Amino acid sequence: MIKIEQLHKKFGKNQVLKGIDLDISQQGVFAVLGPNGSGKTTLIKTLLGMVIPDRGNLSVDGKSIKNNWKYRNQIDYLPQIANFPENLTVQELIAMIKDLRNRPVEDERLITLFKLEPFLNKKLSNLSGGTKQKVNLVLTLMFDSPIIILDEPTTGLDPIALLHLKAIIKAEKDKGKIILITSHIMSFVEEMADEIVFLLEGKIYFKGHIEALKLQTKASNFEQAIANLLTQDHV
């Protein structure tokens, strides 16, 4: 459903993406990993239409995204940092996003699941970071789109909320969806991801299952495999 061919992007003299090729056609959870500056954020923002590539092709569901904004209706996106209008209440923000997207939603179940009822009439400026992240998750997951992108979804979550998030991700995958996640929490990635997409210096250096990565890097565990991948000679 997502096909990327020879994607290039430069900011000034900094070549951020250097010919990315990526084809994700089956359901599953795909972890997009890499050190800071590897191109992860630029790749995701390009997929979302927030960054225009210098060259290359990107298609969703067989259709090029170029001059085609409607494809975004197929994507639910959780930003790493949710910059909410602080003068709004939680309830007002949810209502605003529902009106903007004008699609069927399942917000009440998520509000109950993340125990947000006591905060619905509170202004966003008065919420803790963890509660804001729960609101962020509701805004993302209350729609039913075939592609979900979660950028550092575990940030600030308490253990119970994290368990709920994991259950939701598994349930959404079982519906046949494609879920892209970025995370610095390797235990979360190892538990949730079906495949790893590892970026380094604007290129994809590995795409596949965790066991294959361990085998390739001669590592006994996932964290060591990632460390070995970072220290390999990529010339």
C-alpha atoms as a PDB file:
ATOM      1  CA  MET A   1       0.000   0.000   0.000  1.00  0.00           C
ATOM      2  CA  ILE A   2       3.011   2.302   0.531  1.00  0.00           C
ATOM      3  CA  LYS A   3       5.603   2.397  -2.236  1.00  0.00           C
ATOM      4  CA  ILE A   4       8.612   4.731  -2.184  1.00  0.00           C
ATOM      5  CA  GLU A   5      11.074   4.834  -5.091  1.00  0.00           C
ATOM      6  CA  GLN A   6      14.388   6.698  -5.181  1.00  0.00           C
ATOM      7  CA  LEU A   7      13.313   9.398  -2.762  1.00  0.00           C
ATOM      8  CA  HIS A   8      15.787  12.266  -2.400  1.00  0.00           C
ATOM      9  CA  LYS A   9      15.588  15.349  -0.193  1.00  0.00           C
ATOM     10  CA  LYS A  10      18.141  18.053   0.523  1.00  0.00           C
ATOM     11  CA  PHE A  11      17.912  20.952   2.963  1.00  0.00           C
ATOM     12  CA  GLY A  12      20.502  23.476   1.854  1.00  0.00           C
ATOM     13  CA  LYS A  13      23.735  21.515   1.527  1.00  0.00           C
ATOM     14  CA  ASN A  14      22.507  18.728   3.798  1.00  0.00           C
ATOM     15  CA  GLN A  15      21.411  15.677   1.814  1.00  0.00           C
ATOM     16  CA  VAL A  16      18.881  14.095   4.202  1.00  0.00           C
ATOM     17  CA  LEU A  17      17.357  11.354   2.029  1.00  0.00           C
ATOM     18  CA  LYS A  18      19.641   9.639  -0.481  1.00  0.00           C
ATOM     19  CA  GLY A  19      17.567   7.462  -2.753  1.00  0.00           C
ATOM     20  CA  ILE A  20      15.147   5.734  -0.362  1.00  0.00           C
ATOM     21  CA  ASP A  21      13.376   2.648  -1.725  1.00  0.00           C
ATOM     22  CA  LEU A  22      10.669   1.145   0.458  1.00  0.00           C
ATOM     23  CA  ASP A  23       7.714  -1.098  -0.342  1.00  0.00           C
ATOM     24  CA  ILE A  24       5.186  -1.970   2.354  1.00  0.00           C
ATOM     25  CA  SER A  25       2.280  -3.886   0.871  1.00  0.00           C
ATOM     26  CA  GLN A  26       1.166  -6.197   3.683  1.00  0.00           C
ATOM     27  CA  GLN A  27      -0.413  -5.538   7.055  1.00  0.00           C
ATOM     28  CA  GLY A  28       1.789  -5.329  10.111  1.00  0.00           C
ATOM     29  CA  VAL A  29       3.760  -3.138  12.465  1.00  0.00           C
ATOM     30  CA  PHE A  30       6.890  -1.607  10.949  1.00  0.00           C
ATOM     31  CA  ALA A  31       9.381   0.161  13.199  1.00  0.00           C
ATOM     32  CA  VAL A  32      11.287   2.961  11.468  1.00  0.00           C
ATOM     33  CA  LEU A  33      14.536   3.234  13.410  1.00  0.00           C
ATOM     34  CA  GLY A  34      17.810   5.105  13.167  1.00  0.00           C
ATOM     35  CA  PRO A  35      19.974   7.588  15.056  1.00  0.00           C
ATOM     36  CA  ASN A  36      19.242  11.311  15.147  1.00  0.00           C
ATOM     37  CA  GLY A  37      19.834  12.804  11.717  1.00  0.00           C
ATOM     38  CA  SER A  38      19.285   9.524   9.886  1.00  0.00           C
ATOM     39  CA  GLY A  39      16.277  10.850   7.930  1.00  0.00           C
ATOM     40  CA  LYS A  40      13.413   9.232   9.867  1.00  0.00           C
ATOM     41  CA  THR A  41      11.466  12.427  10.473  1.00  0.00           C
ATOM     42  CA  THR A  42      11.955  13.675   6.922  1.00  0.00           C
ATOM     43  CA  LEU A  43      10.788  10.333   5.535  1.00  0.00           C
ATOM     44  CA  ILE A  44       7.633  10.390   7.650  1.00  0.00           C
ATOM     45  CA  LYS A  45       6.894  14.033   6.864  1.00  0.00           C
ATOM     46  CA  THR A  46       7.338  13.294   3.159  1.00  0.00           C
ATOM     47  CA  LEU A  47       4.829  10.464   3.446  1.00  0.00           C
ATOM     48  CA  LEU A  48       2.434  12.857   5.170  1.00  0.00           C
ATOM     49  CA  GLY A  49       2.891  15.495   2.470  1.00  0.00           C
ATOM     50  CA  MET A  50       4.522  17.927   4.919  1.00  0.00           C
ATOM     51  CA  VAL A  51       7.847  17.814   3.044  1.00  0.00           C
ATOM     52  CA  ILE A  52       8.123  17.894  -0.749  1.00  0.00           C
ATOM     53  CA  PRO A  53      10.909  15.619  -2.056  1.00  0.00           C
ATOM     54  CA  ASP A  54      13.453  16.872  -4.574  1.00  0.00           C
ATOM     55  CA  ARG A  55      12.893  13.779  -6.674  1.00  0.00           C
ATOM     56  CA  GLY A  56      11.501  10.298  -6.450  1.00  0.00           C
ATOM     57  CA  ASN A  57       8.061   8.707  -6.382  1.00  0.00           C
ATOM     58  CA  LEU A  58       5.771   8.024  -3.451  1.00  0.00           C
ATOM     59  CA  SER A  59       2.434   6.279  -3.813  1.00  0.00           C
ATOM     60  CA  VAL A  60      -0.265   5.183  -1.389  1.00  0.00           C
ATOM     61  CA  ASP A  61      -2.725   2.474  -2.416  1.00  0.00           C
ATOM     62  CA  GLY A  62      -1.297   2.502  -5.923  1.00  0.00           C
ATOM     63  CA  LYS A  63      -1.790   6.242  -6.466  1.00  0.00           C
ATOM     64  CA  SER A  64       0.917   8.899  -6.489  1.00  0.00           C
ATOM     65  CA  ILE A  65       0.593  11.424  -3.666  1.00  0.00           C
ATOM     66  CA  LYS A  66       1.792  14.217  -5.937  1.00  0.00           C
ATOM     67  CA  ASN A  67      -0.938  16.871  -6.233  1.00  0.00           C
ATOM     68  CA  ASN A  68      -3.264  14.470  -4.454  1.00  0.00           C
ATOM     69  CA  TRP A  69      -4.033  15.584  -0.888  1.00  0.00           C
ATOM     70  CA  LYS A  70      -7.012  13.226  -0.471  1.00  0.00           C
ATOM     71  CA  TYR A  71      -4.704  10.261   0.227  1.00  0.00           C
ATOM     72  CA  ARG A  72      -4.139  11.742   3.685  1.00  0.00           C
ATOM     73  CA  ASN A  73      -7.633  10.595   4.635  1.00  0.00           C
ATOM     74  CA  GLN A  74      -6.149   7.087   4.682  1.00  0.00           C
ATOM     75  CA  ILE A  75      -3.579   8.009   7.358  1.00  0.00           C
ATOM     76  CA  ASP A  76      -3.922   8.589  11.094  1.00  0.00           C
ATOM     77  CA  TYR A  77      -0.858  10.367  12.498  1.00  0.00           C
ATOM     78  CA  LEU A  78       0.412  10.737  16.055  1.00  0.00           C
ATOM     79  CA  PRO A  79       3.052  13.513  16.206  1.00  0.00           C
ATOM     80  CA  GLN A  80       5.886  13.153  18.679  1.00  0.00           C
ATOM     81  CA  ILE A  81       5.101  16.560  20.178  1.00  0.00           C
ATOM     82  CA  ALA A  82       1.462  17.564  20.302  1.00  0.00           C
ATOM     83  CA  ASN A  83       1.201  21.356  20.165  1.00  0.00           C
ATOM     84  CA  PHE A  84      -2.402  21.795  21.253  1.00  0.00           C
ATOM     85  CA  PRO A  85      -4.191  25.176  21.506  1.00  0.00           C
ATOM     86  CA  GLU A  86      -3.793  25.673  25.239  1.00  0.00           C
ATOM     87  CA  ASN A  87      -6.936  27.776  25.644  1.00  0.00           C
ATOM     88  CA  LEU A  88      -9.169  24.871  24.559  1.00  0.00           C
ATOM     89  CA  THR A  89     -10.521  22.157  26.799  1.00  0.00           C
ATOM     90  CA  VAL A  90      -9.953  18.497  25.972  1.00  0.00           C
ATOM     91  CA  GLN A  91     -13.584  18.133  24.930  1.00  0.00           C
ATOM     92  CA  GLU A  92     -13.409  21.197  22.671  1.00  0.00           C
ATOM     93  CA  LEU A  93     -10.252  19.926  20.983  1.00  0.00           C
ATOM     94  CA  ILE A  94     -11.737  16.495  20.299  1.00  0.00           C
ATOM     95  CA  ALA A  95     -14.891  18.107  18.880  1.00  0.00           C
ATOM     96  CA  MET A  96     -12.791  20.393  16.655  1.00  0.00           C
ATOM     97  CA  ILE A  97     -10.778  17.514  15.191  1.00  0.00           C
ATOM     98  CA  LYS A  98     -13.962  15.510  14.605  1.00  0.00           C
ATOM     99  CA  ASP A  99     -15.471  18.458  12.714  1.00  0.00           C
ATOM    100  CA  LEU A 100     -12.301  18.989  10.660  1.00  0.00           C
ATOM    101  CA  ARG A 101     -12.044  15.399   9.484  1.00  0.00           C
ATOM    102  CA  ASN A 102     -15.804  14.818   9.294  1.00  0.00           C
ATOM    103  CA  ARG A 103     -15.554  11.039   9.504  1.00  0.00           C
ATOM    104  CA  PRO A 104     -17.013   8.332  11.761  1.00  0.00           C
ATOM    105  CA  VAL A 105     -15.180   8.183  15.084  1.00  0.00           C
ATOM    106  CA  GLU A 106     -14.845   5.971  18.122  1.00  0.00           C
ATOM    107  CA  ASP A 107     -13.780   8.542  20.677  1.00  0.00           C
ATOM    108  CA  GLU A 108     -15.915   7.575  23.683  1.00  0.00           C
ATOM    109  CA  ARG A 109     -14.359   4.110  24.015  1.00  0.00           C
ATOM    110  CA  LEU A 110     -10.862   5.570  23.916  1.00  0.00           C
ATOM    111  CA  ILE A 111     -11.716   8.318  26.383  1.00  0.00           C
ATOM    112  CA  THR A 112     -12.952   5.665  28.810  1.00  0.00           C
ATOM    113  CA  LEU A 113     -10.003   3.377  28.133  1.00  0.00           C
ATOM    114  CA  PHE A 114      -7.450   6.080  28.913  1.00  0.00           C
ATOM    115  CA  LYS A 115      -9.552   7.407  31.826  1.00  0.00           C
ATOM    116  CA  LEU A 116      -9.834  10.920  30.427  1.00  0.00           C
ATOM    117  CA  GLU A 117     -13.364  11.681  31.669  1.00  0.00           C
ATOM    118  CA  PRO A 118     -12.144  13.823  34.622  1.00  0.00           C
ATOM    119  CA  PHE A 119     -10.085  15.964  32.215  1.00  0.00           C
ATOM    120  CA  LEU A 120     -12.655  16.636  29.477  1.00  0.00           C
ATOM    121  CA  ASN A 121     -13.529  20.108  30.758  1.00  0.00           C
ATOM    122  CA  LYS A 122      -9.983  21.050  31.726  1.00  0.00           C
ATOM    123  CA  LYS A 123      -7.898  23.331  29.544  1.00  0.00           C
ATOM    124  CA  LEU A 124      -5.013  21.692  27.755  1.00  0.00           C
ATOM    125  CA  SER A 125      -2.585  24.142  29.355  1.00  0.00           C
ATOM    126  CA  ASN A 126      -3.366  22.581  32.739  1.00  0.00           C
ATOM    127  CA  LEU A 127      -2.673  18.969  31.775  1.00  0.00           C
ATOM    128  CA  SER A 128       0.424  16.915  32.571  1.00  0.00           C
ATOM    129  CA  GLY A 129       2.603  15.602  29.760  1.00  0.00           C
ATOM    130  CA  GLY A 130       1.272  12.082  30.198  1.00  0.00           C
ATOM    131  CA  THR A 131      -2.365  13.211  30.027  1.00  0.00           C
ATOM    132  CA  LYS A 132      -1.639  15.264  26.912  1.00  0.00           C
ATOM    133  CA  GLN A 133      -0.162  12.157  25.318  1.00  0.00           C
ATOM    134  CA  LYS A 134      -3.365  10.224  26.087  1.00  0.00           C
ATOM    135  CA  VAL A 135      -5.360  13.001  24.414  1.00  0.00           C
ATOM    136  CA  ASN A 136      -2.931  12.801  21.499  1.00  0.00           C
ATOM    137  CA  LEU A 137      -3.628   9.065  21.202  1.00  0.00           C
ATOM    138  CA  VAL A 138      -7.402   9.577  21.267  1.00  0.00           C
ATOM    139  CA  LEU A 139      -7.178  12.177  18.494  1.00  0.00           C
ATOM    140  CA  THR A 140      -5.137   9.749  16.383  1.00  0.00           C
ATOM    141  CA  LEU A 141      -6.865   6.445  17.044  1.00  0.00           C
ATOM    142  CA  MET A 142     -10.525   7.531  17.096  1.00  0.00           C
ATOM    143  CA  PHE A 143     -10.627   7.338  13.298  1.00  0.00           C
ATOM    144  CA  ASP A 144     -10.495   4.106  11.315  1.00  0.00           C
ATOM    145  CA  SER A 145      -7.848   4.597   8.619  1.00  0.00           C
ATOM    146  CA  PRO A 146      -5.852   1.823   6.908  1.00  0.00           C
ATOM    147  CA  ILE A 147      -2.478   3.419   7.757  1.00  0.00           C
ATOM    148  CA  ILE A 148      -1.399   4.579  11.216  1.00  0.00           C
ATOM    149  CA  ILE A 149       1.833   6.461  11.908  1.00  0.00           C
ATOM    150  CA  LEU A 150       2.887   6.688  15.551  1.00  0.00           C
ATOM    151  CA  ASP A 151       5.901   8.891  16.327  1.00  0.00           C
ATOM    152  CA  GLU A 152       7.251   8.004  19.791  1.00  0.00           C
ATOM    153  CA  PRO A 153       3.813   6.887  21.051  1.00  0.00           C
ATOM    154  CA  THR A 154       4.966   5.707  24.499  1.00  0.00           C
ATOM    155  CA  THR A 155       6.231   9.108  25.665  1.00  0.00           C
ATOM    156  CA  GLY A 156       4.884   9.957  29.108  1.00  0.00           C
ATOM    157  CA  LEU A 157       2.531   6.985  29.368  1.00  0.00           C
ATOM    158  CA  ASP A 158       2.001   5.206  32.674  1.00  0.00           C
ATOM    159  CA  PRO A 159       2.231   1.374  32.695  1.00  0.00           C
ATOM    160  CA  ILE A 160      -1.537   0.822  32.387  1.00  0.00           C
ATOM    161  CA  ALA A 161      -1.911   3.264  29.494  1.00  0.00           C
ATOM    162  CA  LEU A 162       1.059   1.585  27.807  1.00  0.00           C
ATOM    163  CA  LEU A 163      -0.646  -1.806  28.088  1.00  0.00           C
ATOM    164  CA  HIS A 164      -3.780  -0.330  26.504  1.00  0.00           C
ATOM    165  CA  LEU A 165      -1.715   1.163  23.683  1.00  0.00           C
ATOM    166  CA  LYS A 166      -0.062  -2.178  22.956  1.00  0.00           C
ATOM    167  CA  ALA A 167      -3.447  -3.899  22.861  1.00  0.00           C
ATOM    168  CA  ILE A 168      -4.812  -1.262  20.470  1.00  0.00           C
ATOM    169  CA  ILE A 169      -1.832  -1.610  18.129  1.00  0.00           C
ATOM    170  CA  LYS A 170      -2.265  -5.394  18.023  1.00  0.00           C
ATOM    171  CA  ALA A 171      -6.009  -5.063  17.397  1.00  0.00           C
ATOM    172  CA  GLU A 172      -5.480  -2.531  14.596  1.00  0.00           C
ATOM    173  CA  LYS A 173      -2.918  -4.808  12.982  1.00  0.00           C
ATOM    174  CA  ASP A 174      -5.398  -7.682  13.128  1.00  0.00           C
ATOM    175  CA  LYS A 175      -7.821  -5.504  11.143  1.00  0.00           C
ATOM    176  CA  GLY A 176      -5.319  -5.577   8.289  1.00  0.00           C
ATOM    177  CA  LYS A 177      -3.765  -2.153   8.800  1.00  0.00           C
ATOM    178  CA  ILE A 178      -0.234  -0.893   8.189  1.00  0.00           C
ATOM    179  CA  ILE A 179       1.236   0.687  11.315  1.00  0.00           C
ATOM    180  CA  LEU A 180       4.500   2.637  11.246  1.00  0.00           C
ATOM    181  CA  ILE A 181       6.108   3.435  14.587  1.00  0.00           C
ATOM    182  CA  THR A 182       9.224   5.256  15.673  1.00  0.00           C
ATOM    183  CA  SER A 183      10.554   4.719  19.169  1.00  0.00           C
ATOM    184  CA  HIS A 184      13.744   4.890  21.187  1.00  0.00           C
ATOM    185  CA  ILE A 185      12.371   2.188  23.521  1.00  0.00           C
ATOM    186  CA  MET A 186      13.889  -0.974  22.097  1.00  0.00           C
ATOM    187  CA  SER A 187      11.870  -3.304  24.332  1.00  0.00           C
ATOM    188  CA  PHE A 188       8.661  -1.762  22.966  1.00  0.00           C
ATOM    189  CA  VAL A 189       9.895  -2.117  19.386  1.00  0.00           C
ATOM    190  CA  GLU A 190      10.956  -5.720  19.923  1.00  0.00           C
ATOM    191  CA  GLU A 191       7.565  -6.612  21.383  1.00  0.00           C
ATOM    192  CA  MET A 192       5.420  -4.819  18.813  1.00  0.00           C
ATOM    193  CA  ALA A 193       7.254  -4.723  15.479  1.00  0.00           C
ATOM    194  CA  ASP A 194       6.874  -7.322  12.745  1.00  0.00           C
ATOM    195  CA  GLU A 195       9.666  -5.755  10.713  1.00  0.00           C
ATOM    196  CA  ILE A 196      12.431  -3.211  11.201  1.00  0.00           C
ATOM    197  CA  VAL A 197      13.262  -0.437   8.732  1.00  0.00           C
ATOM    198  CA  PHE A 198      16.648   0.936   9.782  1.00  0.00           C
ATOM    199  CA  LEU A 199      17.855   4.254   8.362  1.00  0.00           C
ATOM    200  CA  LEU A 200      21.365   5.613   8.539  1.00  0.00           C
ATOM    201  CA  GLU A 201      22.681   8.732   6.822  1.00  0.00           C
ATOM    202  CA  GLY A 202      19.632   9.000   4.578  1.00  0.00           C
ATOM    203  CA  LYS A 203      19.653   5.398   3.349  1.00  0.00           C
ATOM    204  CA  ILE A 204      17.902   2.197   4.364  1.00  0.00           C
ATOM    205  CA  TYR A 205      20.487  -0.267   5.626  1.00  0.00           C
ATOM    206  CA  PHE A 206      18.125  -2.974   6.785  1.00  0.00           C
ATOM    207  CA  LYS A 207      14.511  -4.022   6.254  1.00  0.00           C
ATOM    208  CA  GLY A 208      13.276  -7.277   7.680  1.00  0.00           C
ATOM    209  CA  HIS A 209      12.469  -9.294  10.762  1.00  0.00           C
ATOM    210  CA  ILE A 210      14.279  -8.872  14.054  1.00  0.00           C
ATOM    211  CA  GLU A 211      15.609 -12.440  13.937  1.00  0.00           C
ATOM    212  CA  ALA A 212      17.112 -11.751  10.515  1.00  0.00           C
ATOM    213  CA  LEU A 213      18.733  -8.610  11.903  1.00  0.00           C
ATOM    214  CA  LYS A 214      20.258 -10.581  14.781  1.00  0.00           C
ATOM    215  CA  LEU A 215      21.586 -13.130  12.329  1.00  0.00           C
ATOM    216  CA  GLN A 216      23.033 -10.483  10.005  1.00  0.00           C
ATOM    217  CA  THR A 217      24.746  -8.598  12.827  1.00  0.00           C
ATOM    218  CA  LYS A 218      25.769 -11.748  14.762  1.00  0.00           C
ATOM    219  CA  ALA A 219      24.030 -10.449  17.886  1.00  0.00           C
ATOM    220  CA  SER A 220      22.349 -12.407  20.659  1.00  0.00           C
ATOM    221  CA  ASN A 221      19.714  -9.766  21.394  1.00  0.00           C
ATOM    222  CA  PHE A 222      17.899  -6.930  19.636  1.00  0.00           C
ATOM    223  CA  GLU A 223      19.630  -4.012  21.359  1.00  0.00           C
ATOM    224  CA  GLN A 224      23.034  -5.467  20.536  1.00  0.00           C
ATOM    225  CA  ALA A 225      21.930  -6.025  16.945  1.00  0.00           C
ATOM    226  CA  ILE A 226      21.050  -2.326  16.613  1.00  0.00           C
ATOM    227  CA  ALA A 227      24.370  -1.340  18.203  1.00  0.00           C
ATOM    228  CA  ASN A 228      26.259  -3.626  15.814  1.00  0.00           C
ATOM    229  CA  LEU A 229      24.416  -2.168  12.860  1.00  0.00           C
ATOM    230  CA  LEU A 230      25.469   1.325  13.925  1.00  0.00           C
ATOM    231  CA  THR A 231      29.122   0.342  14.195  1.00  0.00           C
ATOM    232  CA  GLN A 232      29.380  -1.616  10.958  1.00  0.00           C
ATOM    233  CA  ASP A 233      31.387  -0.227   8.073  1.00  0.00           C
ATOM    234  CA  HIS A 234      28.784   1.226   5.700  1.00  0.00           C
ATOM    235  CA  VAL A 235      31.157   2.394   3.009  1.00  0.00           C
END
